[in-house]
Amino acid sequence: MYMRALQGKEKAWGAEHTSTLDTVNNLGALYKALGRLEEAEEMYMRALQGKEKAWGAEHTSTLDTVNNLGILYADLGRLDEAEEMYMRALQGKEKAWGAEHTSTLSTVNNLGALYAALGRLDEAEKMYMRALQGYEKAHGQTTIKTYVPALNTMWAFGDLHAERKQKQSAKAMYERALAGFTIVRGSASDPCSHIRSRLQALDMPEEKKIPIKASPFKGLGVRLKRHFKSV
């Protein structure tokens, strides 16, 4: 369907029309989901270069593709490039929408997940805290309890506290995330099962624990899957 749309748009509007580029970006996302990462990068780069030419480097649609490239580079283990893309996306979104816009906060969360995977835990904590506080301000204390991006951040924050042996802080974050996912996904859902396992692990003797791997953005070659957000 995407290829059909792309070929039709290229014929009707040209290869560099913004609607054509939207479909190119969508193909990139599809290829990434299929694990065809080289093709995904090709599509994202084409979309990015076209959007920079059509709208400029700081247009919000351009920045969405920059963010997606960051996630892709994280999947590929190209972490310096991933950080570069996230920082570019973050600075652009702060300028375009402000520091507390939810799209800005999604990139803040992505940076937190990247820093956690890199072992830069102080920086990761700073990003997660900023994301959570921003989500709460944007959506309110009631809505945030079932707002999935915030729940993902709570989950990741729980993993970070667990890695630091901060048992009570980890438990508090896990319980908040579990309560929310139980409402929006159901108690039998994968997120609830994983978080319950994390909670149980907190009470296990140290020698029996299995190390918690840094929680995911859709990839990080280090499975950060659930914690990175594409746009």
C-alpha atoms as a PDB file:
ATOM      1  CA  MET A   1       0.000   0.000   0.000  1.00  0.00           C
ATOM      2  CA  TYR A   2       2.803   2.413   0.851  1.00  0.00           C
ATOM      3  CA  MET A   3       4.636   1.615  -2.370  1.00  0.00           C
ATOM      4  CA  ARG A   4       1.482   2.154  -4.375  1.00  0.00           C
ATOM      5  CA  ALA A   5       0.877   5.472  -2.624  1.00  0.00           C
ATOM      6  CA  LEU A   6       4.504   6.511  -3.078  1.00  0.00           C
ATOM      7  CA  GLN A   7       4.596   5.746  -6.788  1.00  0.00           C
ATOM      8  CA  GLY A   8       1.319   7.578  -7.331  1.00  0.00           C
ATOM      9  CA  LYS A   9       2.425  10.640  -5.375  1.00  0.00           C
ATOM     10  CA  GLU A  10       5.787  10.753  -7.150  1.00  0.00           C
ATOM     11  CA  LYS A  11       3.935  10.732 -10.465  1.00  0.00           C
ATOM     12  CA  ALA A  12       1.301  13.281  -9.437  1.00  0.00           C
ATOM     13  CA  TRP A  13       3.333  15.696  -7.296  1.00  0.00           C
ATOM     14  CA  GLY A  14       6.990  14.768  -7.679  1.00  0.00           C
ATOM     15  CA  ALA A  15       9.598  13.057  -5.533  1.00  0.00           C
ATOM     16  CA  GLU A  16      10.153  16.045  -3.249  1.00  0.00           C
ATOM     17  CA  HIS A  17       6.546  17.020  -2.503  1.00  0.00           C
ATOM     18  CA  THR A  18       5.856  17.051   1.231  1.00  0.00           C
ATOM     19  CA  SER A  19       3.014  14.532   0.914  1.00  0.00           C
ATOM     20  CA  THR A  20       5.364  12.206  -0.976  1.00  0.00           C
ATOM     21  CA  LEU A  21       7.912  12.612   1.798  1.00  0.00           C
ATOM     22  CA  ASP A  22       5.334  11.697   4.440  1.00  0.00           C
ATOM     23  CA  THR A  23       4.867   8.356   2.695  1.00  0.00           C
ATOM     24  CA  VAL A  24       8.639   7.931   2.439  1.00  0.00           C
ATOM     25  CA  ASN A  25       8.841   8.462   6.205  1.00  0.00           C
ATOM     26  CA  ASN A  26       6.058   5.911   6.744  1.00  0.00           C
ATOM     27  CA  LEU A  27       7.939   3.369   4.634  1.00  0.00           C
ATOM     28  CA  GLY A  28      10.965   3.972   6.829  1.00  0.00           C
ATOM     29  CA  ALA A  29       8.904   3.192   9.917  1.00  0.00           C
ATOM     30  CA  LEU A  30       7.564   0.022   8.289  1.00  0.00           C
ATOM     31  CA  TYR A  31      11.013  -1.195   7.275  1.00  0.00           C
ATOM     32  CA  LYS A  32      12.264  -0.540  10.797  1.00  0.00           C
ATOM     33  CA  ALA A  33       9.417  -2.591  12.268  1.00  0.00           C
ATOM     34  CA  LEU A  34      10.314  -5.406   9.865  1.00  0.00           C
ATOM     35  CA  GLY A  35      13.962  -5.285  10.875  1.00  0.00           C
ATOM     36  CA  ARG A  36      15.026  -4.058   7.428  1.00  0.00           C
ATOM     37  CA  LEU A  37      17.158  -1.374   9.019  1.00  0.00           C
ATOM     38  CA  GLU A  38      19.322  -0.375   6.059  1.00  0.00           C
ATOM     39  CA  GLU A  39      16.207   0.265   3.992  1.00  0.00           C
ATOM     40  CA  ALA A  40      14.690   2.141   6.918  1.00  0.00           C
ATOM     41  CA  GLU A  41      17.721   4.414   7.100  1.00  0.00           C
ATOM     42  CA  GLU A  42      17.547   5.028   3.350  1.00  0.00           C
ATOM     43  CA  MET A  43      13.905   6.096   3.605  1.00  0.00           C
ATOM     44  CA  TYR A  44      14.426   8.268   6.667  1.00  0.00           C
ATOM     45  CA  MET A  45      17.420   9.995   5.075  1.00  0.00           C
ATOM     46  CA  ARG A  46      15.452  10.652   1.912  1.00  0.00           C
ATOM     47  CA  ALA A  47      12.564  12.038   3.965  1.00  0.00           C
ATOM     48  CA  LEU A  48      14.888  14.164   6.084  1.00  0.00           C
ATOM     49  CA  GLN A  49      16.763  15.677   3.160  1.00  0.00           C
ATOM     50  CA  GLY A  50      13.512  16.402   1.345  1.00  0.00           C
ATOM     51  CA  LYS A  51      11.885  18.001   4.388  1.00  0.00           C
ATOM     52  CA  GLU A  52      14.964  20.116   5.089  1.00  0.00           C
ATOM     53  CA  LYS A  53      14.766  21.397   1.512  1.00  0.00           C
ATOM     54  CA  ALA A  54      10.999  21.947   1.528  1.00  0.00           C
ATOM     55  CA  TRP A  55      10.422  23.251   5.069  1.00  0.00           C
ATOM     56  CA  GLY A  56      13.812  23.856   6.628  1.00  0.00           C
ATOM     57  CA  ALA A  57      15.904  22.131   9.268  1.00  0.00           C
ATOM     58  CA  GLU A  58      13.778  23.308  12.203  1.00  0.00           C
ATOM     59  CA  HIS A  59      10.279  22.510  10.923  1.00  0.00           C
ATOM     60  CA  THR A  60       8.427  20.180  13.271  1.00  0.00           C
ATOM     61  CA  SER A  61       7.875  17.560  10.560  1.00  0.00           C
ATOM     62  CA  THR A  62      11.614  17.586   9.856  1.00  0.00           C
ATOM     63  CA  LEU A  63      12.278  17.125  13.559  1.00  0.00           C
ATOM     64  CA  ASP A  64       9.927  14.128  13.688  1.00  0.00           C
ATOM     65  CA  THR A  65      12.108  12.378  11.128  1.00  0.00           C
ATOM     66  CA  VAL A  66      15.243  13.431  13.043  1.00  0.00           C
ATOM     67  CA  ASN A  67      13.760  11.767  16.149  1.00  0.00           C
ATOM     68  CA  ASN A  68      12.976   8.604  14.167  1.00  0.00           C
ATOM     69  CA  LEU A  69      16.529   8.485  12.854  1.00  0.00           C
ATOM     70  CA  GLY A  70      17.753   8.708  16.436  1.00  0.00           C
ATOM     71  CA  ILE A  71      15.728   5.630  17.344  1.00  0.00           C
ATOM     72  CA  LEU A  72      17.025   3.786  14.290  1.00  0.00           C
ATOM     73  CA  TYR A  73      20.642   4.612  15.120  1.00  0.00           C
ATOM     74  CA  ALA A  74      20.036   3.394  18.667  1.00  0.00           C
ATOM     75  CA  ASP A  75      18.760   0.100  17.218  1.00  0.00           C
ATOM     76  CA  LEU A  76      21.872  -0.151  15.081  1.00  0.00           C
ATOM     77  CA  GLY A  77      24.159   0.497  18.048  1.00  0.00           C
ATOM     78  CA  ARG A  78      25.333   3.788  16.540  1.00  0.00           C
ATOM     79  CA  LEU A  79      24.828   5.515  19.860  1.00  0.00           C
ATOM     80  CA  ASP A  80      26.823   8.689  19.257  1.00  0.00           C
ATOM     81  CA  GLU A  81      24.741   9.353  16.149  1.00  0.00           C
ATOM     82  CA  ALA A  82      21.580   8.524  18.085  1.00  0.00           C
ATOM     83  CA  GLU A  83      22.448  11.089  20.756  1.00  0.00           C
ATOM     84  CA  GLU A  84      23.241  13.667  18.068  1.00  0.00           C
ATOM     85  CA  MET A  85      19.825  13.154  16.460  1.00  0.00           C
ATOM     86  CA  TYR A  86      17.983  13.309  19.782  1.00  0.00           C
ATOM     87  CA  MET A  87      19.753  16.486  20.826  1.00  0.00           C
ATOM     88  CA  ARG A  88      18.953  18.088  17.482  1.00  0.00           C
ATOM     89  CA  ALA A  89      15.308  17.027  17.762  1.00  0.00           C
ATOM     90  CA  LEU A  90      15.079  18.217  21.359  1.00  0.00           C
ATOM     91  CA  GLN A  91      16.569  21.637  20.702  1.00  0.00           C
ATOM     92  CA  GLY A  92      14.357  22.130  17.662  1.00  0.00           C
ATOM     93  CA  LYS A  93      11.179  21.068  19.472  1.00  0.00           C
ATOM     94  CA  GLU A  94      11.970  23.276  22.458  1.00  0.00           C
ATOM     95  CA  LYS A  95      12.294  26.200  20.069  1.00  0.00           C
ATOM     96  CA  ALA A  96       9.185  25.357  18.030  1.00  0.00           C
ATOM     97  CA  TRP A  97       6.774  24.123  20.709  1.00  0.00           C
ATOM     98  CA  GLY A  98       8.372  24.823  24.043  1.00  0.00           C
ATOM     99  CA  ALA A  99      10.088  22.743  26.690  1.00  0.00           C
ATOM    100  CA  GLU A 100       6.875  21.185  28.013  1.00  0.00           C
ATOM    101  CA  HIS A 101       5.107  20.138  24.803  1.00  0.00           C
ATOM    102  CA  THR A 102       4.350  16.414  24.752  1.00  0.00           C
ATOM    103  CA  SER A 103       6.342  15.901  21.538  1.00  0.00           C
ATOM    104  CA  THR A 104       9.323  17.588  23.191  1.00  0.00           C
ATOM    105  CA  LEU A 105       8.869  15.330  26.204  1.00  0.00           C
ATOM    106  CA  SER A 106       8.859  12.190  24.040  1.00  0.00           C
ATOM    107  CA  THR A 107      12.349  13.114  22.861  1.00  0.00           C
ATOM    108  CA  VAL A 108      13.380  13.863  26.457  1.00  0.00           C
ATOM    109  CA  ASN A 109      12.230  10.331  27.326  1.00  0.00           C
ATOM    110  CA  ASN A 110      14.180   8.904  24.399  1.00  0.00           C
ATOM    111  CA  LEU A 111      17.338  10.619  25.637  1.00  0.00           C
ATOM    112  CA  GLY A 112      16.716   9.151  29.085  1.00  0.00           C
ATOM    113  CA  ALA A 113      16.488   5.652  27.643  1.00  0.00           C
ATOM    114  CA  LEU A 114      19.656   6.187  25.624  1.00  0.00           C
ATOM    115  CA  TYR A 115      21.593   7.457  28.633  1.00  0.00           C
ATOM    116  CA  ALA A 116      20.347   4.526  30.725  1.00  0.00           C
ATOM    117  CA  ALA A 117      21.598   2.088  28.081  1.00  0.00           C
ATOM    118  CA  LEU A 118      24.951   3.869  28.050  1.00  0.00           C
ATOM    119  CA  GLY A 119      25.244   3.662  31.824  1.00  0.00           C
ATOM    120  CA  ARG A 120      25.015   7.448  32.196  1.00  0.00           C
ATOM    121  CA  LEU A 121      22.515   7.028  34.999  1.00  0.00           C
ATOM    122  CA  ASP A 122      22.560  10.533  36.451  1.00  0.00           C
ATOM    123  CA  GLU A 123      21.717  11.972  33.039  1.00  0.00           C
ATOM    124  CA  ALA A 124      19.070   9.309  32.495  1.00  0.00           C
ATOM    125  CA  GLU A 125      17.441  10.146  35.830  1.00  0.00           C
ATOM    126  CA  LYS A 126      17.402  13.842  34.955  1.00  0.00           C
ATOM    127  CA  MET A 127      15.663  13.128  31.630  1.00  0.00           C
ATOM    128  CA  TYR A 128      13.084  10.747  33.124  1.00  0.00           C
ATOM    129  CA  MET A 129      12.251  13.199  35.893  1.00  0.00           C
ATOM    130  CA  ARG A 130      11.845  16.020  33.394  1.00  0.00           C
ATOM    131  CA  ALA A 131       9.588  13.873  31.200  1.00  0.00           C
ATOM    132  CA  LEU A 132       7.386  12.779  34.106  1.00  0.00           C
ATOM    133  CA  GLN A 133       7.019  16.270  35.524  1.00  0.00           C
ATOM    134  CA  GLY A 134       6.228  17.591  32.057  1.00  0.00           C
ATOM    135  CA  TYR A 135       3.585  14.939  31.406  1.00  0.00           C
ATOM    136  CA  GLU A 136       1.965  15.684  34.752  1.00  0.00           C
ATOM    137  CA  LYS A 137       1.876  19.404  34.022  1.00  0.00           C
ATOM    138  CA  ALA A 138       0.484  18.838  30.521  1.00  0.00           C
ATOM    139  CA  HIS A 139      -2.160  16.257  31.430  1.00  0.00           C
ATOM    140  CA  GLY A 140      -2.803  16.658  35.144  1.00  0.00           C
ATOM    141  CA  GLN A 141      -2.345  14.249  38.032  1.00  0.00           C
ATOM    142  CA  THR A 142      -5.441  12.236  37.115  1.00  0.00           C
ATOM    143  CA  THR A 143      -4.877  11.727  33.399  1.00  0.00           C
ATOM    144  CA  ILE A 144      -1.195  10.913  33.798  1.00  0.00           C
ATOM    145  CA  LYS A 145      -2.177   7.774  35.718  1.00  0.00           C
ATOM    146  CA  THR A 146      -3.371   6.181  32.459  1.00  0.00           C
ATOM    147  CA  TYR A 147      -1.273   8.108  29.912  1.00  0.00           C
ATOM    148  CA  VAL A 148       0.823   5.417  28.230  1.00  0.00           C
ATOM    149  CA  PRO A 149       3.923   7.532  27.442  1.00  0.00           C
ATOM    150  CA  ALA A 150       4.079   8.522  31.118  1.00  0.00           C
ATOM    151  CA  LEU A 151       3.567   4.894  32.198  1.00  0.00           C
ATOM    152  CA  ASN A 152       6.458   3.821  29.980  1.00  0.00           C
ATOM    153  CA  THR A 153       8.635   6.474  31.612  1.00  0.00           C
ATOM    154  CA  MET A 154       7.609   5.280  35.085  1.00  0.00           C
ATOM    155  CA  TRP A 155       8.518   1.724  34.105  1.00  0.00           C
ATOM    156  CA  ALA A 156      11.911   2.808  32.785  1.00  0.00           C
ATOM    157  CA  PHE A 157      12.466   4.948  35.870  1.00  0.00           C
ATOM    158  CA  GLY A 158      11.705   1.890  38.013  1.00  0.00           C
ATOM    159  CA  ASP A 159      14.364  -0.070  36.136  1.00  0.00           C
ATOM    160  CA  LEU A 160      16.831   2.750  36.704  1.00  0.00           C
ATOM    161  CA  HIS A 161      16.167   2.825  40.462  1.00  0.00           C
ATOM    162  CA  ALA A 162      16.385  -0.980  40.598  1.00  0.00           C
ATOM    163  CA  GLU A 163      19.765  -0.899  38.881  1.00  0.00           C
ATOM    164  CA  ARG A 164      20.918   1.586  41.496  1.00  0.00           C
ATOM    165  CA  LYS A 165      19.664  -0.690  44.307  1.00  0.00           C
ATOM    166  CA  GLN A 166      17.108   1.959  45.318  1.00  0.00           C
ATOM    167  CA  LYS A 167      14.471  -0.578  46.199  1.00  0.00           C
ATOM    168  CA  GLN A 168      11.745   1.680  47.589  1.00  0.00           C
ATOM    169  CA  SER A 169      11.982   4.189  44.744  1.00  0.00           C
ATOM    170  CA  ALA A 170      11.927   1.368  42.198  1.00  0.00           C
ATOM    171  CA  LYS A 171       8.899  -0.210  43.870  1.00  0.00           C
ATOM    172  CA  ALA A 172       7.021   3.098  43.872  1.00  0.00           C
ATOM    173  CA  MET A 173       7.611   3.622  40.154  1.00  0.00           C
ATOM    174  CA  TYR A 174       6.749   0.044  39.234  1.00  0.00           C
ATOM    175  CA  GLU A 175       3.536   0.185  41.231  1.00  0.00           C
ATOM    176  CA  ARG A 176       2.447   3.426  39.561  1.00  0.00           C
ATOM    177  CA  ALA A 177       3.154   1.961  36.124  1.00  0.00           C
ATOM    178  CA  LEU A 178       1.421  -1.322  36.971  1.00  0.00           C
ATOM    179  CA  ALA A 179      -1.722   0.420  38.215  1.00  0.00           C
ATOM    180  CA  GLY A 180      -1.951   2.428  35.021  1.00  0.00           C
ATOM    181  CA  PHE A 181      -1.283  -0.445  32.638  1.00  0.00           C
ATOM    182  CA  THR A 182      -3.826  -2.576  34.478  1.00  0.00           C
ATOM    183  CA  ILE A 183      -6.475   0.019  33.606  1.00  0.00           C
ATOM    184  CA  VAL A 184      -5.501   0.680  30.006  1.00  0.00           C
ATOM    185  CA  ARG A 185      -4.194  -2.750  28.917  1.00  0.00           C
ATOM    186  CA  GLY A 186      -5.602  -5.237  31.424  1.00  0.00           C
ATOM    187  CA  SER A 187      -3.917  -7.204  34.192  1.00  0.00           C
ATOM    188  CA  ALA A 188      -2.986 -10.051  31.819  1.00  0.00           C
ATOM    189  CA  SER A 189      -1.178  -7.768  29.362  1.00  0.00           C
ATOM    190  CA  ASP A 190       2.547  -8.059  28.674  1.00  0.00           C
ATOM    191  CA  PRO A 191       3.439  -4.766  30.403  1.00  0.00           C
ATOM    192  CA  CYS A 192       1.652  -5.862  33.583  1.00  0.00           C
ATOM    193  CA  SER A 193       3.339  -9.280  33.527  1.00  0.00           C
ATOM    194  CA  HIS A 194       6.784  -7.763  33.052  1.00  0.00           C
ATOM    195  CA  ILE A 195       6.307  -5.175  35.782  1.00  0.00           C
ATOM    196  CA  ARG A 196       5.007  -7.762  38.241  1.00  0.00           C
ATOM    197  CA  SER A 197       8.152  -9.783  37.546  1.00  0.00           C
ATOM    198  CA  ARG A 198      10.246  -6.698  38.271  1.00  0.00           C
ATOM    199  CA  LEU A 199       8.427  -6.179  41.566  1.00  0.00           C
ATOM    200  CA  GLN A 200       8.953  -9.788  42.577  1.00  0.00           C
ATOM    201  CA  ALA A 201      12.638  -9.514  41.706  1.00  0.00           C
ATOM    202  CA  LEU A 202      13.044  -6.609  44.124  1.00  0.00           C
ATOM    203  CA  ASP A 203      12.341  -8.953  47.045  1.00  0.00           C
ATOM    204  CA  MET A 204      14.573 -11.784  45.854  1.00  0.00           C
ATOM    205  CA  PRO A 205      17.938 -12.470  47.510  1.00  0.00           C
ATOM    206  CA  GLU A 206      20.677 -10.658  45.615  1.00  0.00           C
ATOM    207  CA  GLU A 207      22.408 -13.877  44.463  1.00  0.00           C
ATOM    208  CA  LYS A 208      19.221 -15.141  42.782  1.00  0.00           C
ATOM    209  CA  LYS A 209      18.411 -11.978  40.857  1.00  0.00           C
ATOM    210  CA  ILE A 210      18.728 -11.776  37.099  1.00  0.00           C
ATOM    211  CA  PRO A 211      20.178  -8.384  36.115  1.00  0.00           C
ATOM    212  CA  ILE A 212      17.623  -5.999  34.628  1.00  0.00           C
ATOM    213  CA  LYS A 213      18.610  -4.904  31.177  1.00  0.00           C
ATOM    214  CA  ALA A 214      18.172  -1.255  30.342  1.00  0.00           C
ATOM    215  CA  SER A 215      14.588  -0.806  29.327  1.00  0.00           C
ATOM    216  CA  PRO A 216      13.887  -0.159  25.667  1.00  0.00           C
ATOM    217  CA  PHE A 217      13.180   2.430  22.936  1.00  0.00           C
ATOM    218  CA  LYS A 218      12.254   0.561  20.145  1.00  0.00           C
ATOM    219  CA  GLY A 219      15.497  -0.957  20.050  1.00  0.00           C
ATOM    220  CA  LEU A 220      18.865   0.272  21.184  1.00  0.00           C
ATOM    221  CA  GLY A 221      20.313  -2.951  20.061  1.00  0.00           C
ATOM    222  CA  VAL A 222      19.923  -3.072  23.830  1.00  0.00           C
ATOM    223  CA  ARG A 223      16.177  -3.733  23.916  1.00  0.00           C
ATOM    224  CA  LEU A 224      14.860  -0.409  25.009  1.00  0.00           C
ATOM    225  CA  LYS A 225      11.842  -1.029  22.923  1.00  0.00           C
ATOM    226  CA  ARG A 226       8.915   0.131  24.935  1.00  0.00           C
ATOM    227  CA  HIS A 227      10.603   3.287  26.125  1.00  0.00           C
ATOM    228  CA  PHE A 228      11.554   4.949  22.825  1.00  0.00           C
ATOM    229  CA  LYS A 229       8.872   6.794  20.934  1.00  0.00           C
ATOM    230  CA  SER A 230       8.663   7.185  17.152  1.00  0.00           C
ATOM    231  CA  VAL A 231       6.705  10.014  15.576  1.00  0.00           C
END
